[in-house]
PDB file of N, CA and C in Angstrom:
ATOM      1  N   PHE A   1       0.841  -1.189   0.000  1.00  0.00           N
ATOM      2  CA  PHE A   1       0.000   0.000   0.000  1.00  0.00           C
ATOM      3  C   PHE A   1       0.878   1.241   0.000  1.00  0.00           C
ATOM      4  N   SER A   2       1.594   1.485  -1.005  1.00  0.00           N
ATOM      5  CA  SER A   2       2.431   2.675  -1.026  1.00  0.00           C
ATOM      6  C   SER A   2       1.660   3.852  -1.593  1.00  0.00           C
ATOM      7  N   LYS A   3       2.028   5.004  -1.154  1.00  0.00           N
ATOM      8  CA  LYS A   3       1.483   6.262  -1.649  1.00  0.00           C
ATOM      9  C   LYS A   3      -0.022   6.395  -1.422  1.00  0.00           C
ATOM     10  N   ILE A   4      -0.516   5.816  -0.345  1.00  0.00           N
ATOM     11  CA  ILE A   4      -1.915   5.987   0.034  1.00  0.00           C
ATOM     12  C   ILE A   4      -1.952   6.844   1.286  1.00  0.00           C
ATOM     13  N   ALA A   5      -2.739   7.880   1.257  1.00  0.00           N
ATOM     14  CA  ALA A   5      -2.912   8.730   2.436  1.00  0.00           C
ATOM     15  C   ALA A   5      -4.380   8.720   2.828  1.00  0.00           C
ATOM     16  N   HIS A   6      -4.619   8.673   4.112  1.00  0.00           N
ATOM     17  CA  HIS A   6      -5.984   8.742   4.633  1.00  0.00           C
ATOM     18  C   HIS A   6      -6.086   9.985   5.497  1.00  0.00           C
ATOM     19  N   PHE A   7      -7.142  10.709   5.323  1.00  0.00           N
ATOM     20  CA  PHE A   7      -7.388  11.902   6.113  1.00  0.00           C
ATOM     21  C   PHE A   7      -8.769  11.781   6.729  1.00  0.00           C
ATOM     22  N   LEU A   8      -8.857  12.004   8.019  1.00  0.00           N
ATOM     23  CA  LEU A   8     -10.137  11.924   8.714  1.00  0.00           C
ATOM     24  C   LEU A   8     -10.461  13.295   9.294  1.00  0.00           C
ATOM     25  N   PRO A   9     -11.543  13.891   8.865  1.00  0.00           N
ATOM     26  CA  PRO A   9     -11.903  15.201   9.418  1.00  0.00           C
ATOM     27  C   PRO A   9     -12.376  15.057  10.861  1.00  0.00           C
ATOM     28  N   LEU A  10     -11.830  15.863  11.731  1.00  0.00           N
ATOM     29  CA  LEU A  10     -12.217  15.860  13.138  1.00  0.00           C
ATOM     30  C   LEU A  10     -12.707  17.250  13.507  1.00  0.00           C
ATOM     31  N   THR A  11     -13.729  17.302  14.321  1.00  0.00           N
ATOM     32  CA  THR A  11     -14.284  18.609  14.696  1.00  0.00           C
ATOM     33  C   THR A  11     -13.610  19.192  15.923  1.00  0.00           C
ATOM     34  N   THR A  12     -12.865  18.369  16.651  1.00  0.00           N
ATOM     35  CA  THR A  12     -12.152  18.838  17.841  1.00  0.00           C
ATOM     36  C   THR A  12     -10.774  18.198  17.871  1.00  0.00           C
ATOM     37  N   GLU A  13      -9.919  18.735  18.718  1.00  0.00           N
ATOM     38  CA  GLU A  13      -8.626  18.094  18.927  1.00  0.00           C
ATOM     39  C   GLU A  13      -8.862  16.831  19.737  1.00  0.00           C
ATOM     40  N   ILE A  14      -8.085  15.801  19.454  1.00  0.00           N
ATOM     41  CA  ILE A  14      -8.228  14.561  20.199  1.00  0.00           C
ATOM     42  C   ILE A  14      -6.910  14.206  20.860  1.00  0.00           C
ATOM     43  N   SER A  15      -6.998  13.388  21.880  1.00  0.00           N
ATOM     44  CA  SER A  15      -5.794  12.946  22.571  1.00  0.00           C
ATOM     45  C   SER A  15      -5.217  11.724  21.860  1.00  0.00           C
ATOM     46  N   ILE A  16      -4.007  11.399  22.213  1.00  0.00           N
ATOM     47  CA  ILE A  16      -3.377  10.209  21.652  1.00  0.00           C
ATOM     48  C   ILE A  16      -4.195   8.975  22.019  1.00  0.00           C
ATOM     49  N   LYS A  17      -4.729   8.971  23.236  1.00  0.00           N
ATOM     50  CA  LYS A  17      -5.537   7.839  23.697  1.00  0.00           C
ATOM     51  C   LYS A  17      -6.748   7.621  22.792  1.00  0.00           C
ATOM     52  N   ASP A  18      -7.313   8.699  22.266  1.00  0.00           N
ATOM     53  CA  ASP A  18      -8.474   8.597  21.387  1.00  0.00           C
ATOM     54  C   ASP A  18      -8.090   8.296  19.938  1.00  0.00           C
ATOM     55  N   LEU A  19      -6.838   8.501  19.582  1.00  0.00           N
ATOM     56  CA  LEU A  19      -6.400   8.283  18.206  1.00  0.00           C
ATOM     57  C   LEU A  19      -6.292   6.799  17.848  1.00  0.00           C
ATOM     58  N   ALA A  20      -5.813   5.987  18.763  1.00  0.00           N
ATOM     59  CA  ALA A  20      -5.614   4.565  18.473  1.00  0.00           C
ATOM     60  C   ALA A  20      -6.895   3.872  18.024  1.00  0.00           C
ATOM     61  N   PRO A  21      -8.030   4.024  18.733  1.00  0.00           N
ATOM     62  CA  PRO A  21      -9.253   3.367  18.249  1.00  0.00           C
ATOM     63  C   PRO A  21      -9.729   3.903  16.898  1.00  0.00           C
ATOM     64  N   ILE A  22      -9.495   5.173  16.638  1.00  0.00           N
ATOM     65  CA  ILE A  22      -9.894   5.738  15.345  1.00  0.00           C
ATOM     66  C   ILE A  22      -9.096   5.073  14.224  1.00  0.00           C
ATOM     67  N   LEU A  23      -7.800   4.914  14.434  1.00  0.00           N
ATOM     68  CA  LEU A  23      -6.980   4.241  13.420  1.00  0.00           C
ATOM     69  C   LEU A  23      -7.434   2.802  13.209  1.00  0.00           C
ATOM     70  N   LEU A  24      -7.730   2.110  14.302  1.00  0.00           N
ATOM     71  CA  LEU A  24      -8.198   0.726  14.178  1.00  0.00           C
ATOM     72  C   LEU A  24      -9.510   0.644  13.417  1.00  0.00           C
ATOM     73  N   ASN A  25     -10.448   1.503  13.759  1.00  0.00           N
ATOM     74  CA  ASN A  25     -11.787   1.433  13.164  1.00  0.00           C
ATOM     75  C   ASN A  25     -11.865   1.983  11.750  1.00  0.00           C
ATOM     76  N   GLU A  26     -11.079   2.978  11.432  1.00  0.00           N
ATOM     77  CA  GLU A  26     -11.225   3.667  10.151  1.00  0.00           C
ATOM     78  C   GLU A  26     -10.195   3.285   9.093  1.00  0.00           C
ATOM     79  N   ILE A  27      -9.026   2.880   9.502  1.00  0.00           N
ATOM     80  CA  ILE A  27      -7.968   2.629   8.514  1.00  0.00           C
ATOM     81  C   ILE A  27      -7.513   1.176   8.519  1.00  0.00           C
ATOM     82  N   TRP A  28      -7.172   0.649   9.689  1.00  0.00           N
ATOM     83  CA  TRP A  28      -6.645  -0.703   9.721  1.00  0.00           C
ATOM     84  C   TRP A  28      -7.684  -1.732   9.335  1.00  0.00           C
ATOM     85  N   ARG A  29      -8.955  -1.451   9.558  1.00  0.00           N
ATOM     86  CA  ARG A  29      -9.988  -2.406   9.147  1.00  0.00           C
ATOM     87  C   ARG A  29     -10.036  -2.527   7.626  1.00  0.00           C
ATOM     88  N   LEU A  30      -9.611  -1.482   6.927  1.00  0.00           N
ATOM     89  CA  LEU A  30      -9.609  -1.503   5.463  1.00  0.00           C
ATOM     90  C   LEU A  30      -8.383  -2.193   4.885  1.00  0.00           C
ATOM     91  N   HIS A  31      -7.231  -2.010   5.530  1.00  0.00           N
ATOM     92  CA  HIS A  31      -5.966  -2.454   4.943  1.00  0.00           C
ATOM     93  C   HIS A  31      -5.176  -3.426   5.810  1.00  0.00           C
ATOM     94  N   GLY A  32      -5.587  -3.652   7.037  1.00  0.00           N
ATOM     95  CA  GLY A  32      -4.808  -4.475   7.950  1.00  0.00           C
ATOM     96  C   GLY A  32      -3.729  -3.650   8.630  1.00  0.00           C
ATOM     97  N   LEU A  33      -2.969  -4.295   9.465  1.00  0.00           N
ATOM     98  CA  LEU A  33      -1.912  -3.627  10.214  1.00  0.00           C
ATOM     99  C   LEU A  33      -0.841  -3.116   9.256  1.00  0.00           C
ATOM    100  N   PRO A  34      -0.483  -1.838   9.351  1.00  0.00           N
ATOM    101  CA  PRO A  34       0.515  -1.293   8.421  1.00  0.00           C
ATOM    102  C   PRO A  34       1.925  -1.789   8.734  1.00  0.00           C
ATOM    103  N   GLU A  35       2.741  -1.830   7.726  1.00  0.00           N
ATOM    104  CA  GLU A  35       4.142  -2.181   7.921  1.00  0.00           C
ATOM    105  C   GLU A  35       4.901  -1.038   8.568  1.00  0.00           C
ATOM    106  N   SER A  36       4.462   0.190   8.322  1.00  0.00           N
ATOM    107  CA  SER A  36       5.111   1.348   8.932  1.00  0.00           C
ATOM    108  C   SER A  36       4.103   2.484   9.056  1.00  0.00           C
ATOM    109  N   ILE A  37       4.399   3.389   9.973  1.00  0.00           N
ATOM    110  CA  ILE A  37       3.600   4.597  10.166  1.00  0.00           C
ATOM    111  C   ILE A  37       4.563   5.769  10.102  1.00  0.00           C
ATOM    112  N   ILE A  38       4.268   6.734   9.282  1.00  0.00           N
ATOM    113  CA  ILE A  38       5.131   7.904   9.156  1.00  0.00           C
ATOM    114  C   ILE A  38       4.598   8.998  10.067  1.00  0.00           C
ATOM    115  N   SER A  39       5.460   9.503  10.911  1.00  0.00           N
ATOM    116  CA  SER A  39       5.103  10.622  11.791  1.00  0.00           C
ATOM    117  C   SER A  39       6.334  11.502  11.933  1.00  0.00           C
ATOM    118  N   ASP A  40       6.200  12.553  12.703  1.00  0.00           N
ATOM    119  CA  ASP A  40       7.364  13.415  12.903  1.00  0.00           C
ATOM    120  C   ASP A  40       8.303  12.863  13.978  1.00  0.00           C
ATOM    121  N   ARG A  41       7.989  11.653  14.454  1.00  0.00           N
ATOM    122  CA  ARG A  41       8.805  10.925  15.430  1.00  0.00           C
ATOM    123  C   ARG A  41       8.946  11.645  16.762  1.00  0.00           C
ATOM    124  N   ASP A  42       7.975  12.447  17.094  1.00  0.00           N
ATOM    125  CA  ASP A  42       7.983  13.084  18.404  1.00  0.00           C
ATOM    126  C   ASP A  42       7.935  11.981  19.457  1.00  0.00           C
ATOM    127  N   SER A  43       8.886  11.969  20.362  1.00  0.00           N
ATOM    128  CA  SER A  43       8.987  10.860  21.314  1.00  0.00           C
ATOM    129  C   SER A  43       7.763  10.748  22.210  1.00  0.00           C
ATOM    130  N   GLN A  44       7.166  11.874  22.603  1.00  0.00           N
ATOM    131  CA  GLN A  44       5.961  11.814  23.431  1.00  0.00           C
ATOM    132  C   GLN A  44       4.800  11.211  22.651  1.00  0.00           C
ATOM    133  N   PHE A  45       4.622  11.617  21.402  1.00  0.00           N
ATOM    134  CA  PHE A  45       3.553  11.048  20.575  1.00  0.00           C
ATOM    135  C   PHE A  45       3.762   9.559  20.397  1.00  0.00           C
ATOM    136  N   THR A  46       4.954   9.180  20.026  1.00  0.00           N
ATOM    137  CA  THR A  46       5.237   7.778  19.735  1.00  0.00           C
ATOM    138  C   THR A  46       4.980   6.898  20.948  1.00  0.00           C
ATOM    139  N   ALA A  47       5.494   7.289  22.098  1.00  0.00           N
ATOM    140  CA  ALA A  47       5.320   6.486  23.311  1.00  0.00           C
ATOM    141  C   ALA A  47       3.852   6.391  23.706  1.00  0.00           C
ATOM    142  N   LYS A  48       3.165   7.518  23.752  1.00  0.00           N
ATOM    143  CA  LYS A  48       1.758   7.514  24.164  1.00  0.00           C
ATOM    144  C   LYS A  48       0.887   6.769  23.163  1.00  0.00           C
ATOM    145  N   PHE A  49       1.190   6.904  21.880  1.00  0.00           N
ATOM    146  CA  PHE A  49       0.404   6.218  20.861  1.00  0.00           C
ATOM    147  C   PHE A  49       0.500   4.713  21.031  1.00  0.00           C
ATOM    148  N   TRP A  50       1.693   4.176  21.142  1.00  0.00           N
ATOM    149  CA  TRP A  50       1.846   2.726  21.233  1.00  0.00           C
ATOM    150  C   TRP A  50       1.301   2.190  22.548  1.00  0.00           C
ATOM    151  N   ILE A  51       1.442   2.944  23.626  1.00  0.00           N
ATOM    152  CA  ILE A  51       0.849   2.516  24.899  1.00  0.00           C
ATOM    153  C   ILE A  51      -0.662   2.440  24.767  1.00  0.00           C
ATOM    154  N   SER A  52      -1.267   3.450  24.160  1.00  0.00           N
ATOM    155  CA  SER A  52      -2.723   3.456  23.974  1.00  0.00           C
ATOM    156  C   SER A  52      -3.172   2.332  23.058  1.00  0.00           C
ATOM    157  N   LEU A  53      -2.409   2.073  22.036  1.00  0.00           N
ATOM    158  CA  LEU A  53      -2.774   1.035  21.081  1.00  0.00           C
ATOM    159  C   LEU A  53      -2.747  -0.350  21.722  1.00  0.00           C
ATOM    160  N   MET A  54      -1.794  -0.589  22.585  1.00  0.00           N
ATOM    161  CA  MET A  54      -1.643  -1.912  23.180  1.00  0.00           C
ATOM    162  C   MET A  54      -2.633  -2.186  24.312  1.00  0.00           C
ATOM    163  N   GLN A  55      -3.359  -1.173  24.754  1.00  0.00           N
ATOM    164  CA  GLN A  55      -4.303  -1.390  25.858  1.00  0.00           C
ATOM    165  C   GLN A  55      -5.495  -2.100  25.403  1.00  0.00           C
TER     166      GLN A  55
END
């Protein structure tokens, strides 16, 4: 799945804790678990995201 971008319009800011279920429900259900996720590699985002995802 190269060169595919998904954009989800949100009406409010969300926390990292709320982002993981959105990714599962809206993107991963369509394509399965991604091989990689591109982000700005902010250490706080990365740590909180994976902790939230694994819960």
